[in-house]
Protein backbone atom coordinates (compact mmCIF):
# COMPACT_ATOMS: atom_id res chain seq x y z
CA UNK A 1 149.02 31.92 90.33
CA UNK A 2 147.39 33.17 93.30
CA UNK A 3 147.65 36.81 94.17
CA UNK A 4 148.93 36.29 97.36
CA UNK A 5 151.84 33.68 95.89
CA UNK A 6 154.59 35.34 94.10
CA UNK A 7 155.67 33.69 91.18
CA UNK A 8 158.99 32.85 92.10
CA UNK A 9 158.98 32.24 96.04
CA UNK A 10 162.84 31.59 96.40
CA UNK A 11 163.93 34.71 94.67
CA UNK A 12 165.60 32.95 91.28
CA UNK A 13 166.94 29.57 90.27
CA UNK A 14 168.88 27.47 92.75
CA UNK A 15 172.48 27.74 92.79
CA UNK A 16 174.91 25.98 90.57
CA UNK A 17 176.47 23.36 93.33
CA UNK A 18 179.50 22.94 90.73
CA UNK A 19 178.83 19.58 88.60
CA UNK A 20 176.38 17.25 87.57
CA UNK A 21 174.61 14.83 89.36
CA UNK A 22 176.28 11.52 89.73
CA UNK A 23 174.82 8.79 86.89
CA UNK A 24 173.80 6.39 90.12
CA UNK A 25 171.68 9.03 91.55
CA UNK A 26 173.47 9.09 94.84
CA UNK A 27 174.62 12.07 96.46
CA UNK A 28 177.46 14.13 94.99
CA UNK A 29 181.02 12.66 96.13
CA UNK A 30 181.41 16.10 97.92
CA UNK A 31 178.82 15.84 100.16
CA UNK A 32 179.73 12.06 100.48
CA UNK A 33 182.75 13.01 101.81
CA UNK A 34 181.06 15.55 104.45
CA UNK A 35 179.08 12.83 105.78
CA UNK A 36 182.24 10.54 105.87
CA UNK A 37 180.94 7.98 103.30
CA UNK A 38 182.64 8.46 100.11
CA UNK A 39 185.20 9.40 97.67
CA UNK A 40 186.68 12.76 97.82
CA UNK A 41 187.73 14.82 100.49
CA UNK A 42 188.71 12.80 103.55
CA UNK A 43 186.17 13.13 106.37
CA UNK A 44 187.31 14.89 109.80
CA UNK A 45 187.56 12.82 112.68
CA UNK A 46 185.02 12.61 115.01
CA UNK A 47 185.25 14.51 118.51
CA UNK A 48 185.43 10.59 120.38
CA UNK A 49 188.19 9.55 118.29
CA UNK A 50 191.53 11.00 119.34
CA UNK A 51 193.89 12.31 116.61
CA UNK A 52 197.58 10.27 116.59
CA UNK A 53 200.12 12.07 118.30
CA UNK A 54 197.84 13.95 120.43
CA UNK A 55 198.00 14.61 123.87
CA UNK A 56 195.21 11.86 124.11
CA UNK A 57 197.91 9.16 123.41
CA UNK A 58 199.76 9.84 126.69
CA UNK A 59 199.13 6.94 128.66
CA UNK A 60 198.61 9.07 131.77
CA UNK A 61 196.13 11.22 130.06
CA UNK A 62 194.07 7.72 128.97
CA UNK A 63 194.41 6.31 132.42
CA UNK A 64 192.28 9.67 133.73
CA UNK A 65 190.17 9.71 131.22
CA UNK A 66 189.04 6.22 131.93
CA UNK A 67 188.71 7.24 135.48
CA UNK A 68 186.48 10.08 134.69
CA UNK A 69 184.26 7.94 132.65
CA UNK A 70 183.97 5.52 135.28
CA UNK A 71 182.85 7.96 137.54
CA UNK A 72 180.59 9.01 134.99
CA UNK A 73 179.33 5.46 134.66
CA UNK A 74 178.80 4.87 138.39
CA UNK A 75 176.67 8.03 138.35
CA UNK A 76 174.50 6.84 135.83
CA UNK A 77 173.90 3.42 136.62
CA UNK A 78 171.04 2.35 138.29
CA UNK A 79 172.05 -1.60 138.83
CA UNK A 80 173.86 -2.03 142.42
CA UNK A 81 175.96 -4.79 141.43
CA UNK A 82 177.26 -3.17 138.52
CA UNK A 83 178.30 0.08 140.55
CA UNK A 84 180.11 -2.19 142.84
CA UNK A 85 181.78 -3.81 139.60
CA UNK A 86 182.77 -0.55 138.26
CA UNK A 87 183.69 1.19 141.81
CA UNK A 88 186.54 -2.36 142.26
CA UNK A 89 187.76 -1.45 138.40
CA UNK A 90 187.85 2.28 139.89
CA UNK A 91 189.76 1.34 142.34
CA UNK A 92 192.50 -0.60 140.04
CA UNK A 93 192.36 2.74 138.09
CA UNK A 94 193.58 4.86 140.73
CA UNK A 95 196.17 2.36 142.06
CA UNK A 96 197.50 2.46 138.42
CA UNK A 97 197.33 6.45 138.75
CA UNK A 98 199.31 6.07 141.96
CA UNK A 99 202.38 3.83 140.87
CA UNK A 100 202.71 6.57 137.76
CA UNK A 101 202.88 9.31 140.84
CA UNK A 102 205.41 7.20 142.49
CA UNK A 103 207.33 6.57 139.56
CA UNK A 104 207.18 9.93 138.50
CA UNK A 105 208.82 10.99 141.93
CA UNK A 106 211.25 8.54 142.00
CA UNK A 107 212.63 9.58 138.73
CA UNK A 108 212.81 13.18 140.44
CA UNK A 109 214.89 11.71 143.79
CA UNK A 110 211.92 10.99 145.15
CA UNK A 111 211.30 11.93 148.94
CA UNK A 112 208.87 14.61 151.05
CA UNK A 113 209.90 17.65 148.80
CA UNK A 114 209.04 16.08 145.61
CA UNK A 115 205.69 14.90 146.74
CA UNK A 116 204.95 18.44 147.89
CA UNK A 117 206.11 20.30 144.83
CA UNK A 118 203.67 17.65 142.92
CA UNK A 119 200.50 18.56 145.31
CA UNK A 120 201.03 22.45 144.79
CA UNK A 121 201.60 22.10 141.06
């Protein structure tokens, strides 16, 4: 070795990762589980996939997410025809949202007082 390179540049032997490498030459099962493709511990759900039972399962929340995504699509789409098509879809989504709000107001007794309370909250 040269005088500029230490004999062991990393300060010792590599750490023992707890087990022999797999016989098939692939990645260890623990690493495969972390990568989401193998036996071992289950992989965590990706942020894009809502977990079951969460608030994302409410239809109104999904509808609001769809409206948000449609608005994002319109803002990045360059083709005017595609923007117009998505705008029609967005109008339909807003109609569903308005219907849901009307149904909620009707369940509470409806009327101007209920509408005013909803707008202030």
